[in-house]
């Protein structure tokens, strides 16, 4: 996913918060990147992951942080959930 966002030149919006409102040109560029990143993130997510990012849909950074929190969780229950999802994934 990160590579796709970098390829589309919109990963800056995922790493950074919105700039100050006084710099209109920078803010416009950030908003364009944020919109592109949000679309790219949502485009490649399954139903489970979409439910994770739904509350954060206005910010690519918030969406990315929510996904990181969900998938980088090292708890035993999360690892078991990811293992079950991996084993039940159909290869086509």
C-alpha atoms as a PDB file:
ATOM      1  CA  UNK A   1       0.000   0.000   0.000  1.00  0.00           C
ATOM      2  CA  UNK A   2       2.790   2.407   0.903  1.00  0.00           C
ATOM      3  CA  UNK A   3       4.450   1.843  -2.456  1.00  0.00           C
ATOM      4  CA  UNK A   4       1.196   2.589  -4.276  1.00  0.00           C
ATOM      5  CA  UNK A   5       0.756   5.829  -2.323  1.00  0.00           C
ATOM      6  CA  UNK A   6       4.344   6.839  -3.038  1.00  0.00           C
ATOM      7  CA  UNK A   7       3.849   6.001  -6.721  1.00  0.00           C
ATOM      8  CA  UNK A   8       0.794   8.284  -6.806  1.00  0.00           C
ATOM      9  CA  UNK A   9       2.797  11.057  -5.074  1.00  0.00           C
ATOM     10  CA  UNK A  10       0.426  11.287  -2.140  1.00  0.00           C
ATOM     11  CA  UNK A  11       2.261   9.651   0.764  1.00  0.00           C
ATOM     12  CA  UNK A  12       3.108  13.086   2.206  1.00  0.00           C
ATOM     13  CA  UNK A  13      -0.525  13.434   3.283  1.00  0.00           C
ATOM     14  CA  UNK A  14      -0.316  10.094   5.087  1.00  0.00           C
ATOM     15  CA  UNK A  15       2.802  11.059   7.045  1.00  0.00           C
ATOM     16  CA  UNK A  16       1.866  14.640   7.930  1.00  0.00           C
ATOM     17  CA  UNK A  17      -0.992  16.626   9.390  1.00  0.00           C
ATOM     18  CA  UNK A  18      -2.614  19.429   7.414  1.00  0.00           C
ATOM     19  CA  UNK A  19      -0.474  22.584   7.170  1.00  0.00           C
ATOM     20  CA  UNK A  20      -1.458  25.921   8.660  1.00  0.00           C
ATOM     21  CA  UNK A  21      -4.371  27.687   7.002  1.00  0.00           C
ATOM     22  CA  UNK A  22      -2.313  30.791   6.183  1.00  0.00           C
ATOM     23  CA  UNK A  23      -0.340  29.084   3.379  1.00  0.00           C
ATOM     24  CA  UNK A  24      -3.054  28.594   0.759  1.00  0.00           C
ATOM     25  CA  UNK A  25      -0.847  27.028  -1.912  1.00  0.00           C
ATOM     26  CA  UNK A  26       0.619  24.443   0.475  1.00  0.00           C
ATOM     27  CA  UNK A  27      -2.829  23.727   1.893  1.00  0.00           C
ATOM     28  CA  UNK A  28      -4.296  23.226  -1.592  1.00  0.00           C
ATOM     29  CA  UNK A  29      -1.481  20.806  -2.488  1.00  0.00           C
ATOM     30  CA  UNK A  30      -1.952  18.951   0.797  1.00  0.00           C
ATOM     31  CA  UNK A  31      -5.725  18.688   0.258  1.00  0.00           C
ATOM     32  CA  UNK A  32      -5.197  17.292  -3.245  1.00  0.00           C
ATOM     33  CA  UNK A  33      -2.733  14.713  -1.915  1.00  0.00           C
ATOM     34  CA  UNK A  34      -5.019  13.902   1.023  1.00  0.00           C
ATOM     35  CA  UNK A  35      -7.978  13.252  -1.295  1.00  0.00           C
ATOM     36  CA  UNK A  36      -5.873  11.104  -3.614  1.00  0.00           C
ATOM     37  CA  UNK A  37      -4.410   9.128  -0.693  1.00  0.00           C
ATOM     38  CA  UNK A  38      -7.828   8.550   0.891  1.00  0.00           C
ATOM     39  CA  UNK A  39      -9.162   7.194  -2.397  1.00  0.00           C
ATOM     40  CA  UNK A  40      -6.142   4.948  -2.915  1.00  0.00           C
ATOM     41  CA  UNK A  41      -6.346   3.566   0.625  1.00  0.00           C
ATOM     42  CA  UNK A  42     -10.077   2.863   0.406  1.00  0.00           C
ATOM     43  CA  UNK A  43      -9.747   1.358  -3.077  1.00  0.00           C
ATOM     44  CA  UNK A  44      -7.568  -1.512  -1.876  1.00  0.00           C
ATOM     45  CA  UNK A  45      -9.251  -2.364   1.436  1.00  0.00           C
ATOM     46  CA  UNK A  46     -11.575  -5.246   2.127  1.00  0.00           C
ATOM     47  CA  UNK A  47     -14.778  -4.959   4.156  1.00  0.00           C
ATOM     48  CA  UNK A  48     -13.071  -5.555   7.524  1.00  0.00           C
ATOM     49  CA  UNK A  49     -10.430  -2.888   6.944  1.00  0.00           C
ATOM     50  CA  UNK A  50     -12.996  -0.452   5.534  1.00  0.00           C
ATOM     51  CA  UNK A  51     -14.888  -0.670   8.811  1.00  0.00           C
ATOM     52  CA  UNK A  52     -11.669   0.201  10.629  1.00  0.00           C
ATOM     53  CA  UNK A  53     -11.100   3.387   8.607  1.00  0.00           C
ATOM     54  CA  UNK A  54     -14.730   4.546   8.313  1.00  0.00           C
ATOM     55  CA  UNK A  55     -14.589   6.810  11.404  1.00  0.00           C
ATOM     56  CA  UNK A  56     -11.420   8.450  10.007  1.00  0.00           C
ATOM     57  CA  UNK A  57     -12.513   8.940   6.397  1.00  0.00           C
ATOM     58  CA  UNK A  58     -11.705  12.686   6.263  1.00  0.00           C
ATOM     59  CA  UNK A  59      -7.953  12.289   6.781  1.00  0.00           C
ATOM     60  CA  UNK A  60      -5.519   9.969   5.017  1.00  0.00           C
ATOM     61  CA  UNK A  61      -3.180  10.182   8.008  1.00  0.00           C
ATOM     62  CA  UNK A  62      -5.950   9.181  10.417  1.00  0.00           C
ATOM     63  CA  UNK A  63      -6.959   6.305   8.125  1.00  0.00           C
ATOM     64  CA  UNK A  64      -3.351   5.118   7.928  1.00  0.00           C
ATOM     65  CA  UNK A  65      -2.882   5.397  11.695  1.00  0.00           C
ATOM     66  CA  UNK A  66      -6.073   3.405  12.316  1.00  0.00           C
ATOM     67  CA  UNK A  67      -4.877   0.656   9.981  1.00  0.00           C
ATOM     68  CA  UNK A  68      -1.471   0.602  11.628  1.00  0.00           C
ATOM     69  CA  UNK A  69      -3.059   0.326  15.057  1.00  0.00           C
ATOM     70  CA  UNK A  70      -5.280  -2.544  13.912  1.00  0.00           C
ATOM     71  CA  UNK A  71      -2.705  -4.539  12.002  1.00  0.00           C
ATOM     72  CA  UNK A  72       0.464  -3.840  13.973  1.00  0.00           C
ATOM     73  CA  UNK A  73      -1.166  -4.965  17.182  1.00  0.00           C
ATOM     74  CA  UNK A  74       1.045  -7.718  18.586  1.00  0.00           C
ATOM     75  CA  UNK A  75      -1.478  -9.158  21.021  1.00  0.00           C
ATOM     76  CA  UNK A  76      -2.148 -12.890  20.940  1.00  0.00           C
ATOM     77  CA  UNK A  77      -5.804 -12.404  20.015  1.00  0.00           C
ATOM     78  CA  UNK A  78      -4.924 -10.165  17.071  1.00  0.00           C
ATOM     79  CA  UNK A  79      -2.270 -12.584  15.863  1.00  0.00           C
ATOM     80  CA  UNK A  80      -4.792 -15.424  16.061  1.00  0.00           C
ATOM     81  CA  UNK A  81      -7.349 -13.342  14.132  1.00  0.00           C
ATOM     82  CA  UNK A  82      -4.818 -12.536  11.408  1.00  0.00           C
ATOM     83  CA  UNK A  83      -3.770 -16.187  11.203  1.00  0.00           C
ATOM     84  CA  UNK A  84      -7.390 -17.311  10.785  1.00  0.00           C
ATOM     85  CA  UNK A  85      -7.915 -14.685   8.076  1.00  0.00           C
ATOM     86  CA  UNK A  86      -4.743 -15.826   6.309  1.00  0.00           C
ATOM     87  CA  UNK A  87      -5.747 -19.489   6.429  1.00  0.00           C
ATOM     88  CA  UNK A  88      -9.262 -18.782   5.160  1.00  0.00           C
ATOM     89  CA  UNK A  89      -8.112 -16.565   2.289  1.00  0.00           C
ATOM     90  CA  UNK A  90      -8.960 -18.120  -1.043  1.00  0.00           C
ATOM     91  CA  UNK A  91      -6.251 -18.057  -3.649  1.00  0.00           C
ATOM     92  CA  UNK A  92      -7.572 -17.544  -7.135  1.00  0.00           C
END
